[in-house]
Structure formats: structure tokens, C-alpha cells
């Protein structure tokens, strides 16, 4: 089995299911040691088992990224064991309630922005030293088309993704000339995930591509290289 990522360390957030799990499995199969994070251990353990069964290696780190100091503790634990981070996949997010802008619940909106935006900035800040220590680090943020193309009732989620896109591109430009870090934004488009099912409950998910298609696309980016600041849309 080809292992182009042998010796590489990857961290994937939201890795217990869907696109995060599929990405973690693709990276693990390619030889990377994958650190899996999500709020609950059960799903992470299942993904870890599948990675091991495919000949890869992984470590689970159950953590609520929206919890105070959780990201700092995660970064401290990883830095205590490894001296670099080669791949950071920012996938964790929440959809929230689809509602008119005038009816957005303030408390839920705050939670959504905490996870979808502020936690992502904290992850970048916490792991920036380990990313800089890599001979060639990749930071990939999973976004949504509603971040660029506003849609009625999707204002809260779309706003969080628009802000995330801006944050990621800014970071990529900031480190372009002083490090070996490259940043890309991945728009998975319509994919059969639980989040998609929640947003479109009447949709036949058998007509959609599987998360593994997105995971394989992210693997191709990491192994084949990409332009700093590139935005990739994964079609079916």
C-alpha cells in the first residue's frame, strides 16, 4: 500500500463521522498518524479502529472545542508528544437552526460563532508553532457555498463560514513568506452527511456523493500540493 504521508502528523477536527471521519481515514491509509478530535469518544473509537484495520495509526482526543481552555490543553498535549504538525483539517462545525435573520436566537448564534469561527482561530493560534516546525504544513478549512452565496434562512451559518474563509485566507497570506505553511479552503458541495440531512430532511441522500469522495479530494490536495489561498469545490 502506498504511504505518501508516512512520517506526517495530521489533526482532524469533527472526526467522529461524515467528512471529518472520511478525511481522517484517507490520511491514515496514506501513512499519516492522525489525531482525531470530536466531542464524544464513541465515534472517534470507531474511526480509530477502521484506520488501524486499514494498516494506519491514529490517536483519539475527545474534546469540546467550544469549551474554555480545551484547545490550549489539546495543543499542550500534542506538543508534549510531537515536535511538529504537518496537516491541520478544520472541519468541526454546527449548522444551528435555519431561520430568518430577524429571528436568529442570540444564544444559539453565539454558540455557533464560538465553534464555527472563534474556535477555528484558536486552533490556528495554538498550533501555529507546530505548523511552522513542519517542512511543509497544510491547513485546510472546510467551508460551505453559503459563505460566498447568501441564501435565505441560512444567515447565521453562512455568516460563520464567510468569516472563516476570510480568516483562513488572511492567515495564509500572513505566513506565506515566513514559513512553509499553505492554506486552502475546501467546499465539499452536496454530500451525504448528517448535517446535510438536518438541513434538507426530505432529500434522498442516495443521490449525493459520499463523504469519502471529499476525504479523497483532501488527500489529493495534501499529497499533490496546492496554491496558498486556493479554494477547491469538490463535485460529485
C-alpha atoms as a PDB file:
ATOM      1  CA  UNK A   1       0.000   0.000   0.000  1.00  0.00           C
ATOM      2  CA  UNK A   2       1.372   3.412  -0.972  1.00  0.00           C
ATOM      3  CA  UNK A   3       2.055   5.633   2.029  1.00  0.00           C
ATOM      4  CA  UNK A   4       2.978   9.084   0.700  1.00  0.00           C
ATOM      5  CA  UNK A   5       2.239  10.627   4.111  1.00  0.00           C
ATOM      6  CA  UNK A   6       4.490   8.297   6.128  1.00  0.00           C
ATOM      7  CA  UNK A   7       6.083  10.233   8.963  1.00  0.00           C
ATOM      8  CA  UNK A   8       3.476  13.001   8.792  1.00  0.00           C
ATOM      9  CA  UNK A   9       1.237  14.061  11.668  1.00  0.00           C
ATOM     10  CA  UNK A  10      -2.327  15.188  10.964  1.00  0.00           C
ATOM     11  CA  UNK A  11      -5.009  16.653  13.202  1.00  0.00           C
ATOM     12  CA  UNK A  12      -8.618  16.417  12.017  1.00  0.00           C
ATOM     13  CA  UNK A  13     -11.438  18.085  13.937  1.00  0.00           C
ATOM     14  CA  UNK A  14     -15.004  16.821  13.825  1.00  0.00           C
ATOM     15  CA  UNK A  15     -13.541  13.417  13.019  1.00  0.00           C
ATOM     16  CA  UNK A  16     -16.188  11.158  14.557  1.00  0.00           C
ATOM     17  CA  UNK A  17     -18.386  10.999  11.451  1.00  0.00           C
ATOM     18  CA  UNK A  18     -19.062  12.374   7.989  1.00  0.00           C
ATOM     19  CA  UNK A  19     -16.421  14.357   6.156  1.00  0.00           C
ATOM     20  CA  UNK A  20     -14.093  14.521   9.164  1.00  0.00           C
ATOM     21  CA  UNK A  21     -14.091  10.759   9.626  1.00  0.00           C
ATOM     22  CA  UNK A  22     -13.632  10.125   5.902  1.00  0.00           C
ATOM     23  CA  UNK A  23     -10.734  12.590   5.747  1.00  0.00           C
ATOM     24  CA  UNK A  24      -9.052  11.047   8.771  1.00  0.00           C
ATOM     25  CA  UNK A  25      -9.352   7.580   7.256  1.00  0.00           C
ATOM     26  CA  UNK A  26      -7.942   8.733   3.914  1.00  0.00           C
ATOM     27  CA  UNK A  27      -4.963  10.418   5.586  1.00  0.00           C
ATOM     28  CA  UNK A  28      -4.371   7.409   7.844  1.00  0.00           C
ATOM     29  CA  UNK A  29      -4.464   4.991   4.920  1.00  0.00           C
ATOM     30  CA  UNK A  30      -1.849   7.166   3.197  1.00  0.00           C
ATOM     31  CA  UNK A  31       0.523   6.758   6.139  1.00  0.00           C
ATOM     32  CA  UNK A  32      -0.084   9.797   8.333  1.00  0.00           C
ATOM     33  CA  UNK A  33      -0.557   9.388  12.056  1.00  0.00           C
ATOM     34  CA  UNK A  34      -3.937  11.017  12.597  1.00  0.00           C
ATOM     35  CA  UNK A  35      -5.103  12.714  15.767  1.00  0.00           C
ATOM     36  CA  UNK A  36      -8.897  12.507  15.856  1.00  0.00           C
ATOM     37  CA  UNK A  37     -10.937  15.070  17.760  1.00  0.00           C
ATOM     38  CA  UNK A  38     -14.662  15.400  18.417  1.00  0.00           C
ATOM     39  CA  UNK A  39     -16.874  15.895  21.444  1.00  0.00           C
ATOM     40  CA  UNK A  40     -17.605  12.232  22.150  1.00  0.00           C
ATOM     41  CA  UNK A  41     -15.278   9.260  22.270  1.00  0.00           C
ATOM     42  CA  UNK A  42     -17.601   6.616  20.813  1.00  0.00           C
ATOM     43  CA  UNK A  43     -17.497   7.714  17.200  1.00  0.00           C
ATOM     44  CA  UNK A  44     -13.801   8.511  17.420  1.00  0.00           C
ATOM     45  CA  UNK A  45     -13.040   4.998  18.613  1.00  0.00           C
ATOM     46  CA  UNK A  46     -14.884   3.538  15.630  1.00  0.00           C
ATOM     47  CA  UNK A  47     -12.889   5.713  13.216  1.00  0.00           C
ATOM     48  CA  UNK A  48      -9.665   4.807  15.004  1.00  0.00           C
ATOM     49  CA  UNK A  49     -10.474   1.116  14.640  1.00  0.00           C
ATOM     50  CA  UNK A  50     -11.106   1.493  10.909  1.00  0.00           C
ATOM     51  CA  UNK A  51      -7.812   3.343  10.465  1.00  0.00           C
ATOM     52  CA  UNK A  52      -5.942   0.606  12.335  1.00  0.00           C
ATOM     53  CA  UNK A  53      -7.733  -2.106  10.340  1.00  0.00           C
ATOM     54  CA  UNK A  54      -6.529  -0.431   7.140  1.00  0.00           C
ATOM     55  CA  UNK A  55      -2.938  -0.513   8.377  1.00  0.00           C
ATOM     56  CA  UNK A  56      -2.746   3.069   9.639  1.00  0.00           C
ATOM     57  CA  UNK A  57      -2.268   4.636  13.052  1.00  0.00           C
ATOM     58  CA  UNK A  58      -4.319   7.152  14.997  1.00  0.00           C
ATOM     59  CA  UNK A  59      -4.816   8.736  18.393  1.00  0.00           C
ATOM     60  CA  UNK A  60      -8.187   9.880  19.695  1.00  0.00           C
ATOM     61  CA  UNK A  61      -8.607  13.107  21.646  1.00  0.00           C
ATOM     62  CA  UNK A  62     -12.210  13.686  22.719  1.00  0.00           C
ATOM     63  CA  UNK A  63     -12.608  17.421  23.271  1.00  0.00           C
ATOM     64  CA  UNK A  64     -15.313  20.061  23.054  1.00  0.00           C
ATOM     65  CA  UNK A  65     -13.640  22.802  21.036  1.00  0.00           C
ATOM     66  CA  UNK A  66     -16.125  25.377  22.320  1.00  0.00           C
ATOM     67  CA  UNK A  67     -15.203  24.696  25.945  1.00  0.00           C
ATOM     68  CA  UNK A  68     -12.914  27.104  27.799  1.00  0.00           C
ATOM     69  CA  UNK A  69      -9.215  26.189  27.564  1.00  0.00           C
ATOM     70  CA  UNK A  70      -9.945  22.929  25.705  1.00  0.00           C
ATOM     71  CA  UNK A  71      -7.903  23.912  22.650  1.00  0.00           C
ATOM     72  CA  UNK A  72      -4.973  25.082  24.754  1.00  0.00           C
ATOM     73  CA  UNK A  73      -4.996  21.760  26.632  1.00  0.00           C
ATOM     74  CA  UNK A  74      -5.160  19.830  23.361  1.00  0.00           C
ATOM     75  CA  UNK A  75      -2.233  21.776  21.888  1.00  0.00           C
ATOM     76  CA  UNK A  76      -0.187  21.299  25.050  1.00  0.00           C
ATOM     77  CA  UNK A  77      -0.783  17.542  24.987  1.00  0.00           C
ATOM     78  CA  UNK A  78       0.164  17.230  21.330  1.00  0.00           C
ATOM     79  CA  UNK A  79       3.253  19.431  21.676  1.00  0.00           C
ATOM     80  CA  UNK A  80       4.358  17.274  24.598  1.00  0.00           C
ATOM     81  CA  UNK A  81       4.458  14.223  22.359  1.00  0.00           C
ATOM     82  CA  UNK A  82       5.276  15.526  18.860  1.00  0.00           C
ATOM     83  CA  UNK A  83       7.534  18.326  17.670  1.00  0.00           C
ATOM     84  CA  UNK A  84       5.609  19.319  14.547  1.00  0.00           C
ATOM     85  CA  UNK A  85       2.193  19.229  12.884  1.00  0.00           C
ATOM     86  CA  UNK A  86       2.072  18.657   9.136  1.00  0.00           C
ATOM     87  CA  UNK A  87      -1.655  18.692   8.384  1.00  0.00           C
ATOM     88  CA  UNK A  88      -4.469  20.561  10.137  1.00  0.00           C
ATOM     89  CA  UNK A  89      -8.003  19.944   8.869  1.00  0.00           C
ATOM     90  CA  UNK A  90     -10.519  22.378  10.356  1.00  0.00           C
ATOM     91  CA  UNK A  91     -13.783  20.526   9.845  1.00  0.00           C
ATOM     92  CA  UNK A  92     -15.762  20.784  13.091  1.00  0.00           C
ATOM     93  CA  UNK A  93     -18.858  22.966  12.807  1.00  0.00           C
ATOM     94  CA  UNK A  94     -22.516  23.203  13.775  1.00  0.00           C
ATOM     95  CA  UNK A  95     -25.422  24.092  11.488  1.00  0.00           C
ATOM     96  CA  UNK A  96     -27.698  25.735  14.009  1.00  0.00           C
ATOM     97  CA  UNK A  97     -31.360  26.461  13.362  1.00  0.00           C
ATOM     98  CA  UNK A  98     -32.223  27.692   9.889  1.00  0.00           C
ATOM     99  CA  UNK A  99     -34.213  30.881  10.475  1.00  0.00           C
ATOM    100  CA  UNK A 100     -34.802  34.385   9.123  1.00  0.00           C
ATOM    101  CA  UNK A 101     -32.086  36.810  10.162  1.00  0.00           C
ATOM    102  CA  UNK A 102     -34.570  38.775  12.248  1.00  0.00           C
ATOM    103  CA  UNK A 103     -35.458  35.612  14.172  1.00  0.00           C
ATOM    104  CA  UNK A 104     -31.978  34.218  14.881  1.00  0.00           C
ATOM    105  CA  UNK A 105     -31.720  33.114  18.501  1.00  0.00           C
ATOM    106  CA  UNK A 106     -28.945  35.137  20.103  1.00  0.00           C
ATOM    107  CA  UNK A 107     -27.728  32.381  22.429  1.00  0.00           C
ATOM    108  CA  UNK A 108     -27.587  29.781  19.678  1.00  0.00           C
ATOM    109  CA  UNK A 109     -25.884  32.255  17.339  1.00  0.00           C
ATOM    110  CA  UNK A 110     -23.225  32.863  19.975  1.00  0.00           C
ATOM    111  CA  UNK A 111     -22.621  29.105  20.307  1.00  0.00           C
ATOM    112  CA  UNK A 112     -22.460  28.739  16.543  1.00  0.00           C
ATOM    113  CA  UNK A 113     -19.915  31.530  16.157  1.00  0.00           C
ATOM    114  CA  UNK A 114     -17.894  30.155  19.062  1.00  0.00           C
ATOM    115  CA  UNK A 115     -17.442  26.798  17.332  1.00  0.00           C
ATOM    116  CA  UNK A 116     -17.527  27.733  13.648  1.00  0.00           C
ATOM    117  CA  UNK A 117     -15.293  30.782  13.887  1.00  0.00           C
ATOM    118  CA  UNK A 118     -13.635  31.589  17.195  1.00  0.00           C
ATOM    119  CA  UNK A 119     -12.557  28.030  17.943  1.00  0.00           C
ATOM    120  CA  UNK A 120     -11.018  27.848  14.464  1.00  0.00           C
ATOM    121  CA  UNK A 121      -8.931  30.938  15.163  1.00  0.00           C
ATOM    122  CA  UNK A 122      -7.881  29.468  18.483  1.00  0.00           C
ATOM    123  CA  UNK A 123      -6.848  26.218  16.774  1.00  0.00           C
ATOM    124  CA  UNK A 124      -4.714  28.130  14.291  1.00  0.00           C
ATOM    125  CA  UNK A 125      -3.132  30.183  17.073  1.00  0.00           C
ATOM    126  CA  UNK A 126      -2.487  27.172  19.297  1.00  0.00           C
ATOM    127  CA  UNK A 127      -0.929  25.037  16.565  1.00  0.00           C
ATOM    128  CA  UNK A 128       0.889  27.753  14.628  1.00  0.00           C
ATOM    129  CA  UNK A 129       4.245  26.916  16.306  1.00  0.00           C
ATOM    130  CA  UNK A 130       3.955  23.216  15.419  1.00  0.00           C
ATOM    131  CA  UNK A 131       2.835  24.038  11.881  1.00  0.00           C
ATOM    132  CA  UNK A 132       5.845  26.325  11.431  1.00  0.00           C
ATOM    133  CA  UNK A 133       8.089  23.477  12.603  1.00  0.00           C
ATOM    134  CA  UNK A 134       6.922  21.298   9.699  1.00  0.00           C
ATOM    135  CA  UNK A 135       8.979  21.299   6.486  1.00  0.00           C
ATOM    136  CA  UNK A 136       5.692  21.735   4.608  1.00  0.00           C
ATOM    137  CA  UNK A 137       2.435  22.164   6.513  1.00  0.00           C
ATOM    138  CA  UNK A 138      -1.090  22.171   5.080  1.00  0.00           C
ATOM    139  CA  UNK A 139      -4.033  23.912   6.737  1.00  0.00           C
ATOM    140  CA  UNK A 140      -7.383  23.057   5.171  1.00  0.00           C
ATOM    141  CA  UNK A 141     -10.650  24.614   6.261  1.00  0.00           C
ATOM    142  CA  UNK A 142     -13.960  23.012   5.325  1.00  0.00           C
ATOM    143  CA  UNK A 143     -16.427  25.694   4.248  1.00  0.00           C
ATOM    144  CA  UNK A 144     -19.802  25.972   2.527  1.00  0.00           C
ATOM    145  CA  UNK A 145     -21.038  27.686  -0.606  1.00  0.00           C
ATOM    146  CA  UNK A 146     -23.436  29.763   1.515  1.00  0.00           C
ATOM    147  CA  UNK A 147     -20.396  31.616   2.819  1.00  0.00           C
ATOM    148  CA  UNK A 148     -19.978  33.152  -0.651  1.00  0.00           C
ATOM    149  CA  UNK A 149     -23.547  32.991  -1.897  1.00  0.00           C
ATOM    150  CA  UNK A 150     -26.044  34.029   0.814  1.00  0.00           C
ATOM    151  CA  UNK A 151     -29.239  32.019   0.996  1.00  0.00           C
ATOM    152  CA  UNK A 152     -32.495  32.842   2.788  1.00  0.00           C
ATOM    153  CA  UNK A 153     -32.689  31.346   6.293  1.00  0.00           C
ATOM    154  CA  UNK A 154     -29.019  30.363   6.217  1.00  0.00           C
ATOM    155  CA  UNK A 155     -27.759  33.714   7.504  1.00  0.00           C
ATOM    156  CA  UNK A 156     -26.233  32.500  10.776  1.00  0.00           C
ATOM    157  CA  UNK A 157     -24.364  29.522   9.340  1.00  0.00           C
ATOM    158  CA  UNK A 158     -23.430  31.389   6.151  1.00  0.00           C
ATOM    159  CA  UNK A 159     -22.045  34.325   8.109  1.00  0.00           C
ATOM    160  CA  UNK A 160     -19.842  31.999  10.155  1.00  0.00           C
ATOM    161  CA  UNK A 161     -18.438  30.369   7.026  1.00  0.00           C
ATOM    162  CA  UNK A 162     -17.867  33.691   5.257  1.00  0.00           C
ATOM    163  CA  UNK A 163     -15.903  34.887   8.261  1.00  0.00           C
ATOM    164  CA  UNK A 164     -13.969  31.616   8.436  1.00  0.00           C
ATOM    165  CA  UNK A 165     -12.997  31.894   4.776  1.00  0.00           C
ATOM    166  CA  UNK A 166     -11.691  35.409   5.342  1.00  0.00           C
ATOM    167  CA  UNK A 167      -9.790  34.344   8.450  1.00  0.00           C
ATOM    168  CA  UNK A 168      -8.131  31.416   6.695  1.00  0.00           C
ATOM    169  CA  UNK A 169      -7.032  33.377   3.637  1.00  0.00           C
ATOM    170  CA  UNK A 170      -5.664  36.155   5.838  1.00  0.00           C
ATOM    171  CA  UNK A 171      -3.635  33.628   7.832  1.00  0.00           C
ATOM    172  CA  UNK A 172      -2.318  32.053   4.641  1.00  0.00           C
ATOM    173  CA  UNK A 173      -1.094  35.406   3.363  1.00  0.00           C
ATOM    174  CA  UNK A 174       0.439  36.294   6.720  1.00  0.00           C
ATOM    175  CA  UNK A 175       2.619  33.182   6.832  1.00  0.00           C
ATOM    176  CA  UNK A 176       3.297  32.807   3.100  1.00  0.00           C
ATOM    177  CA  UNK A 177       6.738  34.423   3.109  1.00  0.00           C
ATOM    178  CA  UNK A 178       7.907  33.424   6.566  1.00  0.00           C
ATOM    179  CA  UNK A 179       7.007  29.745   6.787  1.00  0.00           C
ATOM    180  CA  UNK A 180       6.315  26.588   4.804  1.00  0.00           C
ATOM    181  CA  UNK A 181       2.601  26.695   5.652  1.00  0.00           C
ATOM    182  CA  UNK A 182      -0.023  26.697   2.907  1.00  0.00           C
ATOM    183  CA  UNK A 183      -3.723  27.272   3.453  1.00  0.00           C
ATOM    184  CA  UNK A 184      -6.653  26.110   1.341  1.00  0.00           C
ATOM    185  CA  UNK A 185     -10.431  26.240   1.636  1.00  0.00           C
ATOM    186  CA  UNK A 186     -12.440  23.146   0.731  1.00  0.00           C
ATOM    187  CA  UNK A 187     -16.095  23.433  -0.264  1.00  0.00           C
ATOM    188  CA  UNK A 188     -17.454  19.872  -0.171  1.00  0.00           C
ATOM    189  CA  UNK A 189     -20.670  20.794  -2.026  1.00  0.00           C
ATOM    190  CA  UNK A 190     -23.666  18.464  -1.629  1.00  0.00           C
ATOM    191  CA  UNK A 191     -22.524  15.446   0.398  1.00  0.00           C
ATOM    192  CA  UNK A 192     -24.424  12.741   2.274  1.00  0.00           C
ATOM    193  CA  UNK A 193     -23.837  13.837   5.865  1.00  0.00           C
ATOM    194  CA  UNK A 194     -25.992  14.149   8.971  1.00  0.00           C
ATOM    195  CA  UNK A 195     -25.668  17.935   8.817  1.00  0.00           C
ATOM    196  CA  UNK A 196     -26.941  17.921   5.241  1.00  0.00           C
ATOM    197  CA  UNK A 197     -29.787  15.622   6.256  1.00  0.00           C
ATOM    198  CA  UNK A 198     -30.764  18.029   9.029  1.00  0.00           C
ATOM    199  CA  UNK A 199     -30.770  20.939   6.600  1.00  0.00           C
ATOM    200  CA  UNK A 200     -32.669  19.078   3.854  1.00  0.00           C
ATOM    201  CA  UNK A 201     -34.784  16.442   5.637  1.00  0.00           C
ATOM    202  CA  UNK A 202     -36.740  15.464   2.514  1.00  0.00           C
ATOM    203  CA  UNK A 203     -33.684  14.946   0.321  1.00  0.00           C
ATOM    204  CA  UNK A 204     -32.761  11.478  -0.939  1.00  0.00           C
ATOM    205  CA  UNK A 205     -29.190  11.117   0.274  1.00  0.00           C
ATOM    206  CA  UNK A 206     -28.568   8.173  -2.023  1.00  0.00           C
ATOM    207  CA  UNK A 207     -28.378  10.733  -4.843  1.00  0.00           C
ATOM    208  CA  UNK A 208     -25.485  12.532  -3.145  1.00  0.00           C
ATOM    209  CA  UNK A 209     -21.789  11.722  -3.107  1.00  0.00           C
ATOM    210  CA  UNK A 210     -20.376  10.016  -0.036  1.00  0.00           C
ATOM    211  CA  UNK A 211     -18.045  11.760   2.448  1.00  0.00           C
ATOM    212  CA  UNK A 212     -15.216   9.509   1.223  1.00  0.00           C
ATOM    213  CA  UNK A 213     -15.183  11.486  -2.040  1.00  0.00           C
ATOM    214  CA  UNK A 214     -14.356  14.635  -0.083  1.00  0.00           C
ATOM    215  CA  UNK A 215     -11.822  12.810   2.076  1.00  0.00           C
ATOM    216  CA  UNK A 216     -10.047  11.531  -1.029  1.00  0.00           C
ATOM    217  CA  UNK A 217     -10.061  15.033  -2.528  1.00  0.00           C
ATOM    218  CA  UNK A 218      -8.421  16.435   0.595  1.00  0.00           C
ATOM    219  CA  UNK A 219      -5.829  13.655   0.462  1.00  0.00           C
ATOM    220  CA  UNK A 220      -5.038  14.579  -3.144  1.00  0.00           C
ATOM    221  CA  UNK A 221      -4.541  18.198  -2.125  1.00  0.00           C
ATOM    222  CA  UNK A 222      -2.186  17.273   0.688  1.00  0.00           C
ATOM    223  CA  UNK A 223      -0.120  14.863  -1.392  1.00  0.00           C
ATOM    224  CA  UNK A 224      -0.229  16.689  -4.715  1.00  0.00           C
ATOM    225  CA  UNK A 225       0.217  20.211  -3.451  1.00  0.00           C
ATOM    226  CA  UNK A 226      -1.901  23.318  -3.889  1.00  0.00           C
ATOM    227  CA  UNK A 227      -1.571  27.068  -4.196  1.00  0.00           C
ATOM    228  CA  UNK A 228      -1.665  29.077  -1.000  1.00  0.00           C
ATOM    229  CA  UNK A 229      -5.139  30.555  -0.633  1.00  0.00           C
ATOM    230  CA  UNK A 230      -6.681  28.173  -3.124  1.00  0.00           C
ATOM    231  CA  UNK A 231     -10.397  27.400  -2.869  1.00  0.00           C
ATOM    232  CA  UNK A 232     -11.488  23.938  -4.012  1.00  0.00           C
ATOM    233  CA  UNK A 233     -15.044  22.790  -4.637  1.00  0.00           C
ATOM    234  CA  UNK A 234     -15.500  19.018  -4.581  1.00  0.00           C
ATOM    235  CA  UNK A 235     -18.084  17.968  -7.133  1.00  0.00           C
ATOM    236  CA  UNK A 236     -19.681  14.507  -7.222  1.00  0.00           C
END
